[in-house]
Amino acid sequence: MIRYTLPPAVAARRAMTTALARALTSLAPVLLAVVLLRRMGWAPTGMFWAVVGALVMLVVVRAAVGYRMARRRLGAMAIVLEDDEIRIEGIRDGWAVPRGWTARIVEVEGSLGGVRVESQPQGPTGVVYVVDVPRGGEGFAEVRARLETWRPVERRGRRGRAMRLVMGAVVVAGIFFLPFLLEDFVARSRVLAAALVAGMWIAMRMALRGR
């Protein structure tokens, strides 16, 4: 039997990185919308800045709460790997994936990655149980090697990293280059320009949420 845990420092660092990434993801569309609206020549009122400030404070509070919850969960979590199953302990409503139920094992790259064990769809609802083994603990290599005896470990290809780079480029382009494109739409119709701002905001929200 292998019992795998994360050291407190690693759990805190992982929780902080996750919280910051989610906060930046939430703030990026707001920043883009503000830049585009200013480019349209719209002068924000005090009420507008109050709403923006409230949104920023909400994101900060959510990030702080998410950090504390993630740090507590990661610090208390233990992954127990036996010959016939892998299970999560130390958190409420822990669960397990028996070896015979395993559908796929995927290795996720990056500092926030690890190994994900997915079960076959269970019952009439087709629920899939997932056990995530986060990278960072001393016994990670041993856990991965043991899981590889269950079935081949799939690796995320370069497409995942390429897509992240593309999304980063889209965000940069949206913030720094779209305002110049917007001038042409403003010259034609402010309604069309406003529709472009709303469309870009929605598109960025959906794209970043998918990451």
C-alpha atoms as a PDB file:
ATOM      1  CA  MET A   1       0.000   0.000   0.000  1.00  0.00           C
ATOM      2  CA  ILE A   2       1.190   3.535  -0.813  1.00  0.00           C
ATOM      3  CA  ARG A   3      -0.117   6.533   1.127  1.00  0.00           C
ATOM      4  CA  TYR A   4       0.624   9.763  -0.731  1.00  0.00           C
ATOM      5  CA  THR A   5       0.268  13.269   0.734  1.00  0.00           C
ATOM      6  CA  LEU A   6       1.434  16.781  -0.080  1.00  0.00           C
ATOM      7  CA  PRO A   7       3.789  18.652   2.273  1.00  0.00           C
ATOM      8  CA  PRO A   8       2.162  21.767   3.810  1.00  0.00           C
ATOM      9  CA  ALA A   9       4.434  24.138   1.857  1.00  0.00           C
ATOM     10  CA  VAL A  10       3.615  22.435  -1.445  1.00  0.00           C
ATOM     11  CA  ALA A  11      -0.116  22.443  -0.685  1.00  0.00           C
ATOM     12  CA  ALA A  12      -0.017  26.164   0.156  1.00  0.00           C
ATOM     13  CA  ARG A  13       1.963  27.024  -2.988  1.00  0.00           C
ATOM     14  CA  ARG A  14      -0.353  25.008  -5.212  1.00  0.00           C
ATOM     15  CA  ALA A  15      -3.427  26.608  -3.637  1.00  0.00           C
ATOM     16  CA  MET A  16      -1.962  30.105  -4.077  1.00  0.00           C
ATOM     17  CA  THR A  17      -1.086  29.513  -7.735  1.00  0.00           C
ATOM     18  CA  THR A  18      -4.581  28.198  -8.451  1.00  0.00           C
ATOM     19  CA  ALA A  19      -6.248  31.139  -6.696  1.00  0.00           C
ATOM     20  CA  LEU A  20      -4.137  33.696  -8.579  1.00  0.00           C
ATOM     21  CA  ALA A  21      -4.810  32.030 -11.934  1.00  0.00           C
ATOM     22  CA  ARG A  22      -8.563  32.074 -11.330  1.00  0.00           C
ATOM     23  CA  ALA A  23      -8.472  35.708 -10.212  1.00  0.00           C
ATOM     24  CA  LEU A  24      -6.571  36.820 -13.323  1.00  0.00           C
ATOM     25  CA  THR A  25      -8.951  34.801 -15.490  1.00  0.00           C
ATOM     26  CA  SER A  26     -11.909  36.635 -13.961  1.00  0.00           C
ATOM     27  CA  LEU A  27     -10.343  40.087 -14.250  1.00  0.00           C
ATOM     28  CA  ALA A  28      -9.062  39.831 -17.837  1.00  0.00           C
ATOM     29  CA  PRO A  29     -12.489  40.277 -19.530  1.00  0.00           C
ATOM     30  CA  VAL A  30     -13.273  43.245 -17.260  1.00  0.00           C
ATOM     31  CA  LEU A  31      -9.972  44.898 -18.181  1.00  0.00           C
ATOM     32  CA  LEU A  32     -10.624  44.326 -21.876  1.00  0.00           C
ATOM     33  CA  ALA A  33     -14.114  45.830 -21.654  1.00  0.00           C
ATOM     34  CA  VAL A  34     -12.830  48.935 -19.823  1.00  0.00           C
ATOM     35  CA  VAL A  35     -10.068  49.489 -22.398  1.00  0.00           C
ATOM     36  CA  LEU A  36     -12.464  49.099 -25.323  1.00  0.00           C
ATOM     37  CA  LEU A  37     -15.087  51.386 -23.815  1.00  0.00           C
ATOM     38  CA  ARG A  38     -12.503  54.086 -23.173  1.00  0.00           C
ATOM     39  CA  ARG A  39     -11.347  53.730 -26.770  1.00  0.00           C
ATOM     40  CA  MET A  40     -14.905  54.410 -27.875  1.00  0.00           C
ATOM     41  CA  GLY A  41     -14.697  57.772 -26.186  1.00  0.00           C
ATOM     42  CA  TRP A  42     -17.129  56.846 -23.427  1.00  0.00           C
ATOM     43  CA  ALA A  43     -16.340  58.690 -20.197  1.00  0.00           C
ATOM     44  CA  PRO A  44     -16.970  56.343 -17.250  1.00  0.00           C
ATOM     45  CA  THR A  45     -18.989  57.791 -14.403  1.00  0.00           C
ATOM     46  CA  GLY A  46     -18.309  57.463 -10.704  1.00  0.00           C
ATOM     47  CA  MET A  47     -20.971  54.763 -10.511  1.00  0.00           C
ATOM     48  CA  PHE A  48     -19.191  52.778 -13.230  1.00  0.00           C
ATOM     49  CA  TRP A  49     -15.893  52.843 -11.342  1.00  0.00           C
ATOM     50  CA  ALA A  50     -17.736  51.895  -8.162  1.00  0.00           C
ATOM     51  CA  VAL A  51     -19.132  48.821  -9.902  1.00  0.00           C
ATOM     52  CA  VAL A  52     -15.689  47.940 -11.295  1.00  0.00           C
ATOM     53  CA  GLY A  53     -14.174  48.363  -7.854  1.00  0.00           C
ATOM     54  CA  ALA A  54     -16.860  46.135  -6.356  1.00  0.00           C
ATOM     55  CA  LEU A  55     -16.148  43.474  -8.990  1.00  0.00           C
ATOM     56  CA  VAL A  56     -12.431  43.616  -8.247  1.00  0.00           C
ATOM     57  CA  MET A  57     -13.074  43.322  -4.510  1.00  0.00           C
ATOM     58  CA  LEU A  58     -15.397  40.384  -5.148  1.00  0.00           C
ATOM     59  CA  VAL A  59     -12.701  38.628  -7.181  1.00  0.00           C
ATOM     60  CA  VAL A  60     -10.122  39.292  -4.450  1.00  0.00           C
ATOM     61  CA  VAL A  61     -12.419  37.949  -1.737  1.00  0.00           C
ATOM     62  CA  ARG A  62     -13.269  34.875  -3.786  1.00  0.00           C
ATOM     63  CA  ALA A  63      -9.571  34.274  -4.433  1.00  0.00           C
ATOM     64  CA  ALA A  64      -8.760  34.541  -0.718  1.00  0.00           C
ATOM     65  CA  VAL A  65     -11.581  32.187   0.252  1.00  0.00           C
ATOM     66  CA  GLY A  66     -10.646  29.778  -2.534  1.00  0.00           C
ATOM     67  CA  TYR A  67      -7.022  29.805  -1.414  1.00  0.00           C
ATOM     68  CA  ARG A  68      -7.899  28.933   2.183  1.00  0.00           C
ATOM     69  CA  MET A  69     -10.290  26.176   1.129  1.00  0.00           C
ATOM     70  CA  ALA A  70      -7.837  24.689  -1.380  1.00  0.00           C
ATOM     71  CA  ARG A  71      -4.946  24.799   1.089  1.00  0.00           C
ATOM     72  CA  ARG A  72      -7.042  23.080   3.747  1.00  0.00           C
ATOM     73  CA  ARG A  73      -8.293  20.445   1.314  1.00  0.00           C
ATOM     74  CA  LEU A  74      -4.878  19.706  -0.201  1.00  0.00           C
ATOM     75  CA  GLY A  75      -3.241  19.596   3.224  1.00  0.00           C
ATOM     76  CA  ALA A  76      -5.782  17.115   4.589  1.00  0.00           C
ATOM     77  CA  MET A  77      -6.036  14.969   1.450  1.00  0.00           C
ATOM     78  CA  ALA A  78      -4.330  11.601   1.226  1.00  0.00           C
ATOM     79  CA  ILE A  79      -4.195   9.331  -1.819  1.00  0.00           C
ATOM     80  CA  VAL A  80      -4.114   5.656  -0.870  1.00  0.00           C
ATOM     81  CA  LEU A  81      -3.030   3.264  -3.624  1.00  0.00           C
ATOM     82  CA  GLU A  82      -3.506  -0.466  -3.127  1.00  0.00           C
ATOM     83  CA  ASP A  83      -3.243  -3.392  -5.499  1.00  0.00           C
ATOM     84  CA  ASP A  84      -6.944  -3.324  -6.358  1.00  0.00           C
ATOM     85  CA  GLU A  85      -7.985   0.337  -5.965  1.00  0.00           C
ATOM     86  CA  ILE A  86      -6.983   3.964  -5.540  1.00  0.00           C
ATOM     87  CA  ARG A  87      -8.944   6.181  -3.161  1.00  0.00           C
ATOM     88  CA  ILE A  88      -9.028   9.643  -1.629  1.00  0.00           C
ATOM     89  CA  GLU A  89      -9.051   9.989   2.150  1.00  0.00           C
ATOM     90  CA  GLY A  90      -8.950  12.894   4.567  1.00  0.00           C
ATOM     91  CA  ILE A  91     -11.733  14.924   2.970  1.00  0.00           C
ATOM     92  CA  ARG A  92     -15.481  14.632   3.409  1.00  0.00           C
ATOM     93  CA  ASP A  93     -17.168  12.082   1.173  1.00  0.00           C
ATOM     94  CA  GLY A  94     -13.983  10.452  -0.081  1.00  0.00           C
ATOM     95  CA  TRP A  95     -14.264   7.991  -2.956  1.00  0.00           C
ATOM     96  CA  ALA A  96     -12.342   5.255  -4.720  1.00  0.00           C
ATOM     97  CA  VAL A  97     -11.724   3.899  -8.201  1.00  0.00           C
ATOM     98  CA  PRO A  98     -11.238   0.109  -8.279  1.00  0.00           C
ATOM     99  CA  ARG A  99      -8.580  -1.153 -10.624  1.00  0.00           C
ATOM    100  CA  GLY A 100     -11.142  -3.090 -12.631  1.00  0.00           C
ATOM    101  CA  TRP A 101     -13.211   0.064 -13.186  1.00  0.00           C
ATOM    102  CA  THR A 102     -10.340   2.151 -14.540  1.00  0.00           C
ATOM    103  CA  ALA A 103     -11.110   3.609 -17.959  1.00  0.00           C
ATOM    104  CA  ARG A 104      -8.061   5.813 -18.460  1.00  0.00           C
ATOM    105  CA  ILE A 105      -5.076   7.279 -16.642  1.00  0.00           C
ATOM    106  CA  VAL A 106      -3.851  10.670 -17.831  1.00  0.00           C
ATOM    107  CA  GLU A 107      -0.704  12.528 -16.822  1.00  0.00           C
ATOM    108  CA  VAL A 108      -1.276  16.286 -16.746  1.00  0.00           C
ATOM    109  CA  GLU A 109       1.805  18.413 -17.342  1.00  0.00           C
ATOM    110  CA  GLY A 110       2.814  21.532 -15.459  1.00  0.00           C
ATOM    111  CA  SER A 111       3.332  22.563 -11.849  1.00  0.00           C
ATOM    112  CA  LEU A 112      -0.396  22.243 -11.199  1.00  0.00           C
ATOM    113  CA  GLY A 113      -0.574  18.886 -12.957  1.00  0.00           C
ATOM    114  CA  GLY A 114      -0.336  15.314 -11.787  1.00  0.00           C
ATOM    115  CA  VAL A 115      -1.980  12.032 -12.653  1.00  0.00           C
ATOM    116  CA  ARG A 116      -5.733  11.646 -13.140  1.00  0.00           C
ATOM    117  CA  VAL A 117      -7.444   8.266 -12.799  1.00  0.00           C
ATOM    118  CA  GLU A 118     -10.906   8.076 -14.361  1.00  0.00           C
ATOM    119  CA  SER A 119     -13.394   5.280 -13.872  1.00  0.00           C
ATOM    120  CA  GLN A 120     -15.766   3.809 -16.395  1.00  0.00           C
ATOM    121  CA  PRO A 121     -19.306   5.295 -16.334  1.00  0.00           C
ATOM    122  CA  GLN A 122     -21.163   3.803 -13.396  1.00  0.00           C
ATOM    123  CA  GLY A 123     -24.843   3.064 -12.987  1.00  0.00           C
ATOM    124  CA  PRO A 124     -27.766   4.354 -15.009  1.00  0.00           C
ATOM    125  CA  THR A 125     -26.592   7.964 -14.615  1.00  0.00           C
ATOM    126  CA  GLY A 126     -23.181   7.214 -16.136  1.00  0.00           C
ATOM    127  CA  VAL A 127     -21.303   9.019 -13.365  1.00  0.00           C
ATOM    128  CA  VAL A 128     -17.492   8.940 -13.736  1.00  0.00           C
ATOM    129  CA  TYR A 129     -15.348   8.863 -10.604  1.00  0.00           C
ATOM    130  CA  VAL A 130     -12.041  10.728 -10.790  1.00  0.00           C
ATOM    131  CA  VAL A 131      -9.029  10.556  -8.487  1.00  0.00           C
ATOM    132  CA  ASP A 132      -6.464  13.308  -9.022  1.00  0.00           C
ATOM    133  CA  VAL A 133      -2.939  12.720  -7.731  1.00  0.00           C
ATOM    134  CA  PRO A 134      -1.326  16.187  -7.564  1.00  0.00           C
ATOM    135  CA  ARG A 135       2.352  16.524  -8.365  1.00  0.00           C
ATOM    136  CA  GLY A 136       4.687  17.743  -5.609  1.00  0.00           C
ATOM    137  CA  GLY A 137       4.861  15.012  -2.983  1.00  0.00           C
ATOM    138  CA  GLU A 138       7.895  12.804  -2.384  1.00  0.00           C
ATOM    139  CA  GLY A 139       6.146   9.622  -3.467  1.00  0.00           C
ATOM    140  CA  PHE A 140       4.647  10.919  -6.703  1.00  0.00           C
ATOM    141  CA  ALA A 141       7.025   8.972  -8.951  1.00  0.00           C
ATOM    142  CA  GLU A 142       6.251   5.757  -7.072  1.00  0.00           C
ATOM    143  CA  VAL A 143       2.497   6.297  -7.382  1.00  0.00           C
ATOM    144  CA  ARG A 144       2.801   7.000 -11.085  1.00  0.00           C
ATOM    145  CA  ALA A 145       4.951   3.919 -11.658  1.00  0.00           C
ATOM    146  CA  ARG A 146       2.455   1.713  -9.819  1.00  0.00           C
ATOM    147  CA  LEU A 147      -0.478   3.134 -11.770  1.00  0.00           C
ATOM    148  CA  GLU A 148       1.373   2.462 -15.000  1.00  0.00           C
ATOM    149  CA  THR A 149       1.123  -1.259 -14.174  1.00  0.00           C
ATOM    150  CA  TRP A 150      -2.663  -0.895 -14.226  1.00  0.00           C
ATOM    151  CA  ARG A 151      -2.822   0.459 -17.765  1.00  0.00           C
ATOM    152  CA  PRO A 152      -0.741   2.733 -20.046  1.00  0.00           C
ATOM    153  CA  VAL A 153      -0.538   6.327 -18.829  1.00  0.00           C
ATOM    154  CA  GLU A 154      -1.711   8.788 -21.463  1.00  0.00           C
ATOM    155  CA  ARG A 155       0.036  12.124 -21.760  1.00  0.00           C
ATOM    156  CA  ARG A 156      -1.454  15.372 -22.864  1.00  0.00           C
ATOM    157  CA  GLY A 157       0.160  16.273 -26.166  1.00  0.00           C
ATOM    158  CA  ARG A 158       1.603  19.574 -27.214  1.00  0.00           C
ATOM    159  CA  ARG A 159      -1.817  20.755 -28.312  1.00  0.00           C
ATOM    160  CA  GLY A 160      -2.747  21.612 -24.715  1.00  0.00           C
ATOM    161  CA  ARG A 161       0.325  23.805 -24.276  1.00  0.00           C
ATOM    162  CA  ALA A 162      -0.130  25.321 -27.729  1.00  0.00           C
ATOM    163  CA  MET A 163      -3.732  26.199 -26.944  1.00  0.00           C
ATOM    164  CA  ARG A 164      -2.663  27.941 -23.737  1.00  0.00           C
ATOM    165  CA  LEU A 165      -0.141  29.975 -25.720  1.00  0.00           C
ATOM    166  CA  VAL A 166      -2.804  30.845 -28.277  1.00  0.00           C
ATOM    167  CA  MET A 167      -5.197  31.960 -25.541  1.00  0.00           C
ATOM    168  CA  GLY A 168      -2.479  34.120 -24.012  1.00  0.00           C
ATOM    169  CA  ALA A 169      -1.830  35.711 -27.382  1.00  0.00           C
ATOM    170  CA  VAL A 170      -5.555  36.344 -27.854  1.00  0.00           C
ATOM    171  CA  VAL A 171      -5.782  38.099 -24.491  1.00  0.00           C
ATOM    172  CA  VAL A 172      -2.768  40.292 -25.275  1.00  0.00           C
ATOM    173  CA  ALA A 173      -4.112  41.112 -28.721  1.00  0.00           C
ATOM    174  CA  GLY A 174      -7.512  41.894 -27.286  1.00  0.00           C
ATOM    175  CA  ILE A 175      -6.131  44.346 -24.743  1.00  0.00           C
ATOM    176  CA  PHE A 176      -3.487  46.070 -26.854  1.00  0.00           C
ATOM    177  CA  PHE A 177      -4.612  45.814 -30.492  1.00  0.00           C
ATOM    178  CA  LEU A 178      -8.401  45.629 -30.565  1.00  0.00           C
ATOM    179  CA  PRO A 179      -8.797  49.254 -29.376  1.00  0.00           C
ATOM    180  CA  PHE A 180      -7.238  50.435 -32.644  1.00  0.00           C
ATOM    181  CA  LEU A 181      -9.570  48.205 -34.658  1.00  0.00           C
ATOM    182  CA  LEU A 182     -12.473  49.556 -32.662  1.00  0.00           C
ATOM    183  CA  GLU A 183     -11.885  53.082 -33.982  1.00  0.00           C
ATOM    184  CA  ASP A 184     -13.122  51.995 -37.418  1.00  0.00           C
ATOM    185  CA  PHE A 185     -16.336  50.645 -35.921  1.00  0.00           C
ATOM    186  CA  VAL A 186     -16.865  53.786 -33.843  1.00  0.00           C
ATOM    187  CA  ALA A 187     -16.542  55.880 -36.999  1.00  0.00           C
ATOM    188  CA  ARG A 188     -19.314  53.843 -38.611  1.00  0.00           C
ATOM    189  CA  SER A 189     -21.676  53.224 -35.726  1.00  0.00           C
ATOM    190  CA  ARG A 190     -21.424  53.398 -31.953  1.00  0.00           C
ATOM    191  CA  VAL A 191     -24.049  50.677 -31.721  1.00  0.00           C
ATOM    192  CA  LEU A 192     -21.866  48.375 -33.811  1.00  0.00           C
ATOM    193  CA  ALA A 193     -18.874  49.241 -31.653  1.00  0.00           C
ATOM    194  CA  ALA A 194     -20.821  48.520 -28.479  1.00  0.00           C
ATOM    195  CA  ALA A 195     -21.895  45.177 -29.934  1.00  0.00           C
ATOM    196  CA  LEU A 196     -18.228  44.387 -30.646  1.00  0.00           C
ATOM    197  CA  VAL A 197     -17.279  45.172 -27.038  1.00  0.00           C
ATOM    198  CA  ALA A 198     -20.066  42.944 -25.702  1.00  0.00           C
ATOM    199  CA  GLY A 199     -19.162  40.155 -28.113  1.00  0.00           C
ATOM    200  CA  MET A 200     -15.464  40.267 -27.225  1.00  0.00           C
ATOM    201  CA  TRP A 201     -16.280  40.263 -23.509  1.00  0.00           C
ATOM    202  CA  ILE A 202     -18.523  37.218 -23.850  1.00  0.00           C
ATOM    203  CA  ALA A 203     -16.025  35.408 -26.100  1.00  0.00           C
ATOM    204  CA  MET A 204     -13.151  35.998 -23.692  1.00  0.00           C
ATOM    205  CA  ARG A 205     -15.215  34.866 -20.702  1.00  0.00           C
ATOM    206  CA  MET A 206     -16.171  31.632 -22.456  1.00  0.00           C
ATOM    207  CA  ALA A 207     -12.645  30.958 -23.693  1.00  0.00           C
ATOM    208  CA  LEU A 208     -10.966  31.606 -20.342  1.00  0.00           C
ATOM    209  CA  ARG A 209     -13.581  29.588 -18.500  1.00  0.00           C
ATOM    210  CA  GLY A 210     -12.756  26.669 -20.757  1.00  0.00           C
ATOM    211  CA  ARG A 211      -9.113  26.848 -19.675  1.00  0.00           C
END
